[in-house]
Amino acid sequence: MNLSTLTILIGIVAMMFVGQTVYTSDLEYNNTRDIYNFTEEKININYSFKENIANSFEKETNLEEYNINTKRIVNIFGAFMEFAVYSFSEVLKGSIEYGYTHPEQDLKFFLDFLIKIFLILIVIALIPLIIPLLAIICILGKGIIYLYKRTFKKQNDI
């Protein structure tokens, strides 16, 4: 499990918390809402990446093949970005709806578990820095010992 997957999982659980918070707020104010229609109406992400990316690339050369290939790559990249944003928005809606319809579940343990795993992965990523730090400490220690011996050797010679 890498850091990006863990970050996505933390985001999903956080959106479940948002759904539970909306449910708690509705209970306090005696409000009823259809969470499915609410998320469909309120969470709308405008994703027009394909047009924005296509407008950023202008004809740079007179080579027709280059311009055609650039347009194809822009179309592929734009379609991928639209897919990623659409998928993200649907997962976000589903997470909020799940948290709203299951307020009895305690997700705090799961979120704390994911955050601890996240911190452990960061520490594991920093482990390769231990050897260079130990080498620097060793070199500094030897330098201090060398200077100590050098200063006291000169004092004994006088």
Foldseek 3Di string as FASTA:
>chain_A
DDLVVLVVVLVLLVLLVVLLVVLVVCVVVVHDDDLLVVLVVPQDDDQPQLVVLVVVDDDPDPDPVVVVVVNVVSNVVSVVVVVVVVVSSVSSSVSSVNSNVCNVDDCPVVSVVSVVVSVVNVVVVCVVVPVVVVVVVVVVVVVVVVVVCVVVVVVVVD
